[in-house]
Amino acid sequence: MDKAAAILCAAIAAAPLGAGSASGQPQGDAQRIVGAWRYIGTTIDGQPRPNRGASPKGIIFYTGGGHMAAQIAPDRNLKMAGSAPTPDEAKAALADYIAYFGTYTLDERTRTVTHHRQGSVQPDGMPDLVRNYEFVGDRLILRPIGTKQEVVWERIK
């Protein structure tokens, strides 16, 4: 395991899962979102997002201190012709791969979570990503504002 993966695992392990309080009373959304979530899938207009393959993988986590990170990797096996990727191979490897980190704010009144990106593999220049959110059982559904997408995550227990 490389150093970055070890740090990510340590941060996830240290984050409280927030499903309820020690007294058994439900907590607010700000506490409930804290923890690690595995990627289930993305739909657009109710249809699976194309180009991610049969079993894409991903993780998103939120800390109680306001930090977050997200990654989604398509399910595909890409080969390199040599020891380093060609420009076309590098471009193909990043196609539909999502990875970013930063901080977040949650607005329980509007039911939105804003990801304030500090670093990303996407060069789109949009630092803030706003999503409507909904909890359904052990699932977190994020709906990016201005799209017809639903991104579904399941709590890692």
N, C-alpha and C. Protein backbone atom coordinates (compact mmCIF):
# COMPACT_ATOMS: atom_id res chain seq x y z
N MET A 1 0.87 -1.18 0.00
CA MET A 1 0.00 0.00 0.00
C MET A 1 0.90 1.22 0.00
N ASP A 2 0.61 2.16 -0.90
CA ASP A 2 1.43 3.36 -0.96
C ASP A 2 1.03 4.32 0.16
N LYS A 3 1.82 5.36 0.35
CA LYS A 3 1.62 6.30 1.45
C LYS A 3 0.27 7.01 1.37
N ALA A 4 -0.14 7.45 0.15
CA ALA A 4 -1.42 8.15 -0.01
C ALA A 4 -2.58 7.25 0.36
N ALA A 5 -2.53 5.98 -0.07
CA ALA A 5 -3.61 5.03 0.25
C ALA A 5 -3.65 4.78 1.76
N ALA A 6 -2.50 4.69 2.39
CA ALA A 6 -2.46 4.47 3.84
C ALA A 6 -3.06 5.65 4.59
N ILE A 7 -2.77 6.87 4.14
CA ILE A 7 -3.33 8.07 4.78
C ILE A 7 -4.85 8.10 4.60
N LEU A 8 -5.32 7.78 3.38
CA LEU A 8 -6.76 7.75 3.12
C LEU A 8 -7.44 6.72 4.02
N CYS A 9 -6.86 5.52 4.13
CA CYS A 9 -7.46 4.48 4.98
C CYS A 9 -7.49 4.92 6.44
N ALA A 10 -6.43 5.58 6.90
CA ALA A 10 -6.40 6.06 8.28
C ALA A 10 -7.46 7.12 8.52
N ALA A 11 -7.65 8.02 7.56
CA ALA A 11 -8.67 9.07 7.71
C ALA A 11 -10.05 8.46 7.75
N ILE A 12 -10.30 7.48 6.92
CA ILE A 12 -11.62 6.83 6.91
C ILE A 12 -11.84 6.09 8.21
N ALA A 13 -10.83 5.37 8.68
CA ALA A 13 -10.98 4.62 9.92
C ALA A 13 -11.22 5.54 11.11
N ALA A 14 -10.65 6.73 11.08
CA ALA A 14 -10.80 7.67 12.19
C ALA A 14 -12.12 8.42 12.15
N ALA A 15 -12.78 8.43 11.01
CA ALA A 15 -14.03 9.20 10.88
C ALA A 15 -15.18 8.45 11.52
N PRO A 16 -15.94 9.10 12.42
CA PRO A 16 -17.11 8.45 13.00
C PRO A 16 -18.16 8.20 11.92
N LEU A 17 -18.89 7.11 12.04
CA LEU A 17 -19.85 6.77 11.01
C LEU A 17 -21.14 7.54 11.11
N GLY A 18 -21.50 8.07 12.25
CA GLY A 18 -22.61 9.00 12.34
C GLY A 18 -23.99 8.44 12.09
N ALA A 19 -24.24 7.16 12.26
CA ALA A 19 -25.56 6.61 12.02
C ALA A 19 -26.51 6.91 13.18
N GLY A 20 -25.98 7.26 14.31
CA GLY A 20 -26.80 7.59 15.47
C GLY A 20 -25.88 7.99 16.60
N SER A 21 -26.43 8.47 17.66
CA SER A 21 -25.61 8.88 18.78
C SER A 21 -25.47 7.73 19.76
N ALA A 22 -24.59 7.92 20.74
CA ALA A 22 -24.39 6.89 21.75
C ALA A 22 -25.68 6.63 22.52
N SER A 23 -26.55 7.63 22.62
CA SER A 23 -27.81 7.46 23.35
C SER A 23 -28.88 6.81 22.49
N GLY A 24 -28.55 6.53 21.21
CA GLY A 24 -29.52 5.90 20.33
C GLY A 24 -30.44 6.88 19.63
N GLN A 25 -30.28 8.17 19.92
CA GLN A 25 -31.12 9.18 19.29
C GLN A 25 -30.59 9.49 17.89
N PRO A 26 -31.49 9.75 16.95
CA PRO A 26 -31.02 10.09 15.61
C PRO A 26 -30.26 11.40 15.62
N GLN A 27 -29.34 11.52 14.68
CA GLN A 27 -28.55 12.73 14.56
C GLN A 27 -28.99 13.49 13.32
N GLY A 28 -28.56 14.75 13.24
CA GLY A 28 -28.86 15.55 12.07
C GLY A 28 -28.04 15.10 10.87
N ASP A 29 -28.38 15.67 9.73
CA ASP A 29 -27.71 15.30 8.49
C ASP A 29 -26.22 15.58 8.53
N ALA A 30 -25.81 16.66 9.21
CA ALA A 30 -24.39 17.01 9.29
C ALA A 30 -23.58 15.90 9.95
N GLN A 31 -24.17 15.20 10.93
CA GLN A 31 -23.49 14.07 11.56
C GLN A 31 -23.68 12.80 10.74
N ARG A 32 -24.83 12.66 10.12
CA ARG A 32 -25.15 11.44 9.39
C ARG A 32 -24.28 11.25 8.14
N ILE A 33 -23.87 12.35 7.51
CA ILE A 33 -23.07 12.24 6.29
C ILE A 33 -21.63 11.83 6.57
N VAL A 34 -21.17 12.06 7.79
CA VAL A 34 -19.78 11.75 8.14
C VAL A 34 -19.52 10.25 8.04
N GLY A 35 -18.44 9.90 7.37
CA GLY A 35 -18.04 8.50 7.23
C GLY A 35 -17.64 8.20 5.80
N ALA A 36 -17.53 6.91 5.52
CA ALA A 36 -17.10 6.45 4.20
C ALA A 36 -18.26 5.76 3.50
N TRP A 37 -18.35 5.98 2.21
CA TRP A 37 -19.44 5.46 1.39
C TRP A 37 -18.85 4.83 0.13
N ARG A 38 -19.35 3.66 -0.26
CA ARG A 38 -18.88 3.02 -1.49
C ARG A 38 -19.83 3.34 -2.63
N TYR A 39 -19.27 3.43 -3.81
CA TYR A 39 -20.02 3.80 -5.01
C TYR A 39 -20.90 2.64 -5.46
N ILE A 40 -22.17 2.93 -5.68
CA ILE A 40 -23.12 1.95 -6.20
C ILE A 40 -23.33 2.16 -7.69
N GLY A 41 -23.52 3.41 -8.11
CA GLY A 41 -23.69 3.69 -9.52
C GLY A 41 -24.27 5.06 -9.76
N THR A 42 -24.26 5.45 -11.03
CA THR A 42 -24.81 6.73 -11.46
C THR A 42 -25.83 6.47 -12.55
N THR A 43 -26.96 7.16 -12.43
CA THR A 43 -27.95 7.11 -13.50
C THR A 43 -28.16 8.52 -14.06
N ILE A 44 -28.52 8.56 -15.34
CA ILE A 44 -28.89 9.80 -16.02
C ILE A 44 -30.26 9.53 -16.62
N ASP A 45 -31.24 10.30 -16.21
CA ASP A 45 -32.63 10.05 -16.65
C ASP A 45 -33.04 8.60 -16.38
N GLY A 46 -32.58 8.04 -15.25
CA GLY A 46 -32.96 6.69 -14.87
C GLY A 46 -32.18 5.58 -15.55
N GLN A 47 -31.26 5.92 -16.45
CA GLN A 47 -30.46 4.92 -17.17
C GLN A 47 -29.03 4.94 -16.63
N PRO A 48 -28.38 3.76 -16.53
CA PRO A 48 -26.98 3.74 -16.06
C PRO A 48 -26.09 4.64 -16.91
N ARG A 49 -25.19 5.32 -16.24
CA ARG A 49 -24.26 6.20 -16.95
C ARG A 49 -23.40 5.36 -17.90
N PRO A 50 -23.32 5.75 -19.15
CA PRO A 50 -22.52 4.97 -20.11
C PRO A 50 -21.02 5.13 -19.86
N ASN A 51 -20.26 4.23 -20.40
CA ASN A 51 -18.79 4.28 -20.42
C ASN A 51 -18.11 3.97 -19.10
N ARG A 52 -18.85 3.53 -18.10
CA ARG A 52 -18.20 3.16 -16.84
C ARG A 52 -18.04 1.65 -16.69
N GLY A 53 -18.60 0.86 -17.59
CA GLY A 53 -18.46 -0.59 -17.51
C GLY A 53 -19.47 -1.21 -16.57
N ALA A 54 -19.36 -2.52 -16.41
CA ALA A 54 -20.35 -3.28 -15.64
C ALA A 54 -20.22 -3.07 -14.13
N SER A 55 -19.00 -2.88 -13.63
CA SER A 55 -18.80 -2.80 -12.18
C SER A 55 -17.82 -1.69 -11.81
N PRO A 56 -18.18 -0.43 -12.02
CA PRO A 56 -17.27 0.64 -11.60
C PRO A 56 -17.14 0.64 -10.08
N LYS A 57 -16.04 1.15 -9.60
CA LYS A 57 -15.75 1.19 -8.16
C LYS A 57 -15.53 2.64 -7.74
N GLY A 58 -15.80 2.91 -6.47
CA GLY A 58 -15.52 4.25 -5.98
C GLY A 58 -15.73 4.37 -4.50
N ILE A 59 -15.27 5.49 -3.97
CA ILE A 59 -15.42 5.79 -2.55
C ILE A 59 -15.54 7.31 -2.40
N ILE A 60 -16.35 7.70 -1.44
CA ILE A 60 -16.42 9.10 -1.04
C ILE A 60 -16.40 9.10 0.48
N PHE A 61 -15.72 10.05 1.07
CA PHE A 61 -15.79 10.16 2.52
C PHE A 61 -15.87 11.61 2.94
N TYR A 62 -16.53 11.79 4.06
CA TYR A 62 -16.70 13.10 4.69
C TYR A 62 -16.22 12.97 6.13
N THR A 63 -15.40 13.92 6.59
CA THR A 63 -14.96 13.91 7.98
C THR A 63 -15.81 14.88 8.79
N GLY A 64 -15.80 14.69 10.08
CA GLY A 64 -16.50 15.60 10.98
C GLY A 64 -15.88 16.99 10.98
N GLY A 65 -14.64 17.11 10.54
CA GLY A 65 -13.94 18.39 10.49
C GLY A 65 -14.14 19.15 9.19
N GLY A 66 -14.99 18.63 8.28
CA GLY A 66 -15.30 19.36 7.06
C GLY A 66 -14.47 19.03 5.84
N HIS A 67 -13.71 17.94 5.88
CA HIS A 67 -12.92 17.54 4.72
C HIS A 67 -13.62 16.40 3.99
N MET A 68 -13.32 16.27 2.68
CA MET A 68 -13.94 15.21 1.89
C MET A 68 -13.00 14.82 0.75
N ALA A 69 -13.25 13.64 0.20
CA ALA A 69 -12.55 13.19 -1.01
C ALA A 69 -13.46 12.20 -1.71
N ALA A 70 -13.35 12.15 -3.04
CA ALA A 70 -14.18 11.25 -3.84
C ALA A 70 -13.36 10.69 -4.99
N GLN A 71 -13.61 9.41 -5.30
CA GLN A 71 -13.02 8.78 -6.47
C GLN A 71 -14.02 7.80 -7.05
N ILE A 72 -14.12 7.79 -8.37
CA ILE A 72 -14.90 6.79 -9.09
C ILE A 72 -14.04 6.32 -10.25
N ALA A 73 -13.84 5.00 -10.33
CA ALA A 73 -13.02 4.41 -11.38
C ALA A 73 -13.88 3.51 -12.26
N PRO A 74 -13.87 3.74 -13.57
CA PRO A 74 -14.61 2.87 -14.47
C PRO A 74 -14.08 1.44 -14.41
N ASP A 75 -14.93 0.50 -14.77
CA ASP A 75 -14.57 -0.91 -14.83
C ASP A 75 -14.08 -1.21 -16.25
N ARG A 76 -12.78 -1.10 -16.42
CA ARG A 76 -12.19 -1.41 -17.72
C ARG A 76 -10.72 -1.73 -17.51
N ASN A 77 -10.19 -2.54 -18.42
CA ASN A 77 -8.80 -2.96 -18.33
C ASN A 77 -8.04 -2.33 -19.49
N LEU A 78 -7.26 -1.32 -19.17
CA LEU A 78 -6.49 -0.62 -20.21
C LEU A 78 -5.05 -1.13 -20.20
N LYS A 79 -4.50 -1.31 -21.36
CA LYS A 79 -3.12 -1.78 -21.51
C LYS A 79 -2.25 -0.64 -22.02
N MET A 80 -0.99 -0.66 -21.61
CA MET A 80 -0.02 0.30 -22.13
C MET A 80 0.92 -0.43 -23.09
N ALA A 81 1.30 0.26 -24.15
CA ALA A 81 2.19 -0.34 -25.14
C ALA A 81 3.62 -0.45 -24.60
N GLY A 82 3.99 0.46 -23.71
CA GLY A 82 5.36 0.47 -23.16
C GLY A 82 5.33 0.65 -21.66
N SER A 83 6.45 1.10 -21.12
CA SER A 83 6.55 1.28 -19.66
C SER A 83 5.89 2.57 -19.19
N ALA A 84 5.68 3.52 -20.10
CA ALA A 84 4.99 4.77 -19.78
C ALA A 84 3.83 4.94 -20.77
N PRO A 85 2.73 5.53 -20.32
CA PRO A 85 1.60 5.67 -21.24
C PRO A 85 1.88 6.69 -22.34
N THR A 86 1.34 6.42 -23.50
CA THR A 86 1.36 7.40 -24.59
C THR A 86 0.33 8.47 -24.24
N PRO A 87 0.36 9.62 -24.92
CA PRO A 87 -0.68 10.62 -24.65
C PRO A 87 -2.10 10.07 -24.83
N ASP A 88 -2.33 9.25 -25.85
CA ASP A 88 -3.66 8.66 -26.05
C ASP A 88 -4.02 7.69 -24.94
N GLU A 89 -3.04 6.91 -24.47
CA GLU A 89 -3.29 5.96 -23.37
C GLU A 89 -3.60 6.71 -22.07
N ALA A 90 -2.88 7.79 -21.81
CA ALA A 90 -3.12 8.59 -20.61
C ALA A 90 -4.51 9.22 -20.67
N LYS A 91 -4.89 9.72 -21.83
CA LYS A 91 -6.21 10.31 -22.00
C LYS A 91 -7.30 9.27 -21.78
N ALA A 92 -7.11 8.06 -22.33
CA ALA A 92 -8.09 6.99 -22.15
C ALA A 92 -8.20 6.58 -20.68
N ALA A 93 -7.08 6.58 -19.96
CA ALA A 93 -7.09 6.19 -18.55
C ALA A 93 -7.90 7.16 -17.70
N LEU A 94 -7.89 8.44 -18.07
CA LEU A 94 -8.61 9.45 -17.30
C LEU A 94 -10.06 9.64 -17.75
N ALA A 95 -10.42 9.06 -18.89
CA ALA A 95 -11.79 9.22 -19.39
C ALA A 95 -12.80 8.65 -18.40
N ASP A 96 -13.68 9.49 -17.92
CA ASP A 96 -14.75 9.13 -16.99
C ASP A 96 -14.23 8.68 -15.62
N TYR A 97 -12.96 8.96 -15.31
CA TYR A 97 -12.40 8.70 -13.98
C TYR A 97 -12.57 9.99 -13.18
N ILE A 98 -13.18 9.90 -12.03
CA ILE A 98 -13.45 11.06 -11.18
C ILE A 98 -12.58 10.95 -9.93
N ALA A 99 -11.86 12.01 -9.62
CA ALA A 99 -11.06 12.03 -8.40
C ALA A 99 -10.83 13.47 -7.98
N TYR A 100 -11.24 13.78 -6.75
CA TYR A 100 -10.99 15.11 -6.21
C TYR A 100 -11.05 15.09 -4.69
N PHE A 101 -10.54 16.15 -4.08
CA PHE A 101 -10.57 16.29 -2.63
C PHE A 101 -10.73 17.75 -2.28
N GLY A 102 -11.10 18.00 -1.03
CA GLY A 102 -11.23 19.37 -0.56
C GLY A 102 -12.01 19.41 0.73
N THR A 103 -12.84 20.43 0.85
CA THR A 103 -13.70 20.58 2.02
C THR A 103 -15.15 20.56 1.54
N TYR A 104 -16.05 20.53 2.49
CA TYR A 104 -17.47 20.55 2.12
C TYR A 104 -18.27 21.34 3.14
N THR A 105 -19.41 21.85 2.69
CA THR A 105 -20.39 22.46 3.58
C THR A 105 -21.73 21.81 3.30
N LEU A 106 -22.51 21.65 4.34
CA LEU A 106 -23.80 21.01 4.23
C LEU A 106 -24.87 22.00 4.68
N ASP A 107 -25.92 22.16 3.91
CA ASP A 107 -27.04 23.03 4.25
C ASP A 107 -28.27 22.15 4.41
N GLU A 108 -28.61 21.86 5.66
CA GLU A 108 -29.76 20.98 5.93
C GLU A 108 -31.08 21.62 5.50
N ARG A 109 -31.15 22.93 5.50
CA ARG A 109 -32.39 23.61 5.10
C ARG A 109 -32.69 23.38 3.62
N THR A 110 -31.67 23.53 2.77
CA THR A 110 -31.87 23.35 1.33
C THR A 110 -31.55 21.92 0.88
N ARG A 111 -31.05 21.11 1.83
CA ARG A 111 -30.65 19.72 1.55
C ARG A 111 -29.62 19.66 0.42
N THR A 112 -28.61 20.54 0.55
CA THR A 112 -27.50 20.53 -0.41
C THR A 112 -26.18 20.33 0.31
N VAL A 113 -25.27 19.68 -0.37
CA VAL A 113 -23.89 19.57 0.08
C VAL A 113 -23.03 20.15 -1.03
N THR A 114 -22.11 21.03 -0.64
CA THR A 114 -21.22 21.67 -1.61
C THR A 114 -19.81 21.14 -1.39
N HIS A 115 -19.24 20.57 -2.44
CA HIS A 115 -17.86 20.10 -2.41
C HIS A 115 -16.98 21.24 -2.90
N HIS A 116 -16.12 21.75 -2.03
CA HIS A 116 -15.19 22.83 -2.36
C HIS A 116 -13.86 22.16 -2.75
N ARG A 117 -13.69 21.93 -4.04
CA ARG A 117 -12.53 21.17 -4.50
C ARG A 117 -11.24 21.98 -4.37
N GLN A 118 -10.23 21.31 -3.82
CA GLN A 118 -8.90 21.91 -3.71
C GLN A 118 -7.92 21.24 -4.67
N GLY A 119 -8.25 20.06 -5.13
CA GLY A 119 -7.43 19.33 -6.10
C GLY A 119 -8.31 18.35 -6.84
N SER A 120 -8.03 18.16 -8.14
CA SER A 120 -8.87 17.31 -8.97
C SER A 120 -8.13 16.85 -10.21
N VAL A 121 -8.48 15.66 -10.72
CA VAL A 121 -7.93 15.24 -12.01
C VAL A 121 -8.71 15.85 -13.17
N GLN A 122 -9.88 16.42 -12.90
CA GLN A 122 -10.68 17.06 -13.94
C GLN A 122 -10.25 18.52 -14.10
N PRO A 123 -9.86 18.92 -15.30
CA PRO A 123 -9.41 20.30 -15.50
C PRO A 123 -10.56 21.23 -15.90
N ASP A 124 -11.69 21.14 -15.21
CA ASP A 124 -12.85 21.92 -15.66
C ASP A 124 -12.93 23.31 -15.04
N GLY A 125 -12.08 23.63 -14.08
CA GLY A 125 -12.06 24.96 -13.52
C GLY A 125 -13.22 25.29 -12.59
N MET A 126 -14.10 24.33 -12.30
CA MET A 126 -15.23 24.56 -11.38
C MET A 126 -14.85 24.07 -9.98
N PRO A 127 -14.40 24.96 -9.10
CA PRO A 127 -13.96 24.47 -7.80
C PRO A 127 -15.09 23.95 -6.92
N ASP A 128 -16.28 24.52 -7.00
CA ASP A 128 -17.38 24.10 -6.14
C ASP A 128 -18.40 23.27 -6.91
N LEU A 129 -18.75 22.13 -6.34
CA LEU A 129 -19.77 21.25 -6.92
C LEU A 129 -20.92 21.16 -5.92
N VAL A 130 -22.11 21.56 -6.32
CA VAL A 130 -23.28 21.56 -5.43
C VAL A 130 -24.18 20.39 -5.80
N ARG A 131 -24.58 19.63 -4.77
CA ARG A 131 -25.45 18.50 -4.98
C ARG A 131 -26.61 18.55 -3.98
N ASN A 132 -27.80 18.20 -4.45
CA ASN A 132 -28.88 17.88 -3.51
C ASN A 132 -28.53 16.52 -2.92
N TYR A 133 -28.92 16.28 -1.68
CA TYR A 133 -28.65 14.97 -1.09
C TYR A 133 -29.92 14.41 -0.46
N GLU A 134 -29.92 13.10 -0.35
CA GLU A 134 -31.03 12.39 0.31
C GLU A 134 -30.46 11.11 0.92
N PHE A 135 -30.90 10.81 2.13
CA PHE A 135 -30.53 9.55 2.77
C PHE A 135 -31.71 8.59 2.61
N VAL A 136 -31.42 7.37 2.14
CA VAL A 136 -32.42 6.32 2.02
C VAL A 136 -31.80 5.07 2.65
N GLY A 137 -32.19 4.77 3.90
CA GLY A 137 -31.57 3.66 4.61
C GLY A 137 -30.09 3.91 4.77
N ASP A 138 -29.26 2.95 4.33
CA ASP A 138 -27.81 3.07 4.40
C ASP A 138 -27.23 3.68 3.13
N ARG A 139 -28.07 4.33 2.35
CA ARG A 139 -27.60 4.91 1.09
C ARG A 139 -27.67 6.44 1.14
N LEU A 140 -26.74 7.04 0.42
CA LEU A 140 -26.67 8.48 0.24
C LEU A 140 -26.83 8.72 -1.26
N ILE A 141 -27.82 9.50 -1.63
CA ILE A 141 -28.05 9.81 -3.04
C ILE A 141 -27.69 11.27 -3.26
N LEU A 142 -26.76 11.51 -4.17
CA LEU A 142 -26.35 12.86 -4.53
C LEU A 142 -26.87 13.18 -5.93
N ARG A 143 -27.49 14.33 -6.06
CA ARG A 143 -28.02 14.78 -7.36
C ARG A 143 -27.36 16.10 -7.72
N PRO A 144 -26.37 16.06 -8.62
CA PRO A 144 -25.71 17.31 -9.02
C PRO A 144 -26.72 18.33 -9.56
N ILE A 145 -26.65 19.55 -9.03
CA ILE A 145 -27.55 20.63 -9.45
C ILE A 145 -27.35 20.88 -10.95
N GLY A 146 -28.46 21.05 -11.65
CA GLY A 146 -28.41 21.36 -13.07
C GLY A 146 -28.23 20.16 -13.98
N THR A 147 -28.31 18.93 -13.41
CA THR A 147 -28.19 17.72 -14.23
C THR A 147 -29.38 16.81 -13.94
N LYS A 148 -29.47 15.75 -14.70
CA LYS A 148 -30.50 14.72 -14.47
C LYS A 148 -29.85 13.46 -13.93
N GLN A 149 -28.77 13.65 -13.16
CA GLN A 149 -28.01 12.52 -12.62
C GLN A 149 -28.38 12.22 -11.17
N GLU A 150 -28.25 10.95 -10.81
CA GLU A 150 -28.28 10.50 -9.43
C GLU A 150 -27.05 9.64 -9.21
N VAL A 151 -26.27 10.00 -8.18
CA VAL A 151 -25.08 9.25 -7.84
C VAL A 151 -25.38 8.58 -6.50
N VAL A 152 -25.35 7.25 -6.49
CA VAL A 152 -25.76 6.50 -5.30
C VAL A 152 -24.54 5.90 -4.62
N TRP A 153 -24.50 6.12 -3.30
CA TRP A 153 -23.41 5.62 -2.44
C TRP A 153 -24.03 4.80 -1.32
N GLU A 154 -23.32 3.81 -0.82
CA GLU A 154 -23.79 2.99 0.30
C GLU A 154 -22.74 3.07 1.41
N ARG A 155 -23.23 3.28 2.64
CA ARG A 155 -22.31 3.43 3.79
C ARG A 155 -21.46 2.19 3.93
N ILE A 156 -20.16 2.41 4.15
CA ILE A 156 -19.24 1.32 4.47
C ILE A 156 -19.30 1.13 5.97
N LYS A 157 -19.66 -0.05 6.39
CA LYS A 157 -19.80 -0.33 7.83
C LYS A 157 -18.55 -0.91 8.42
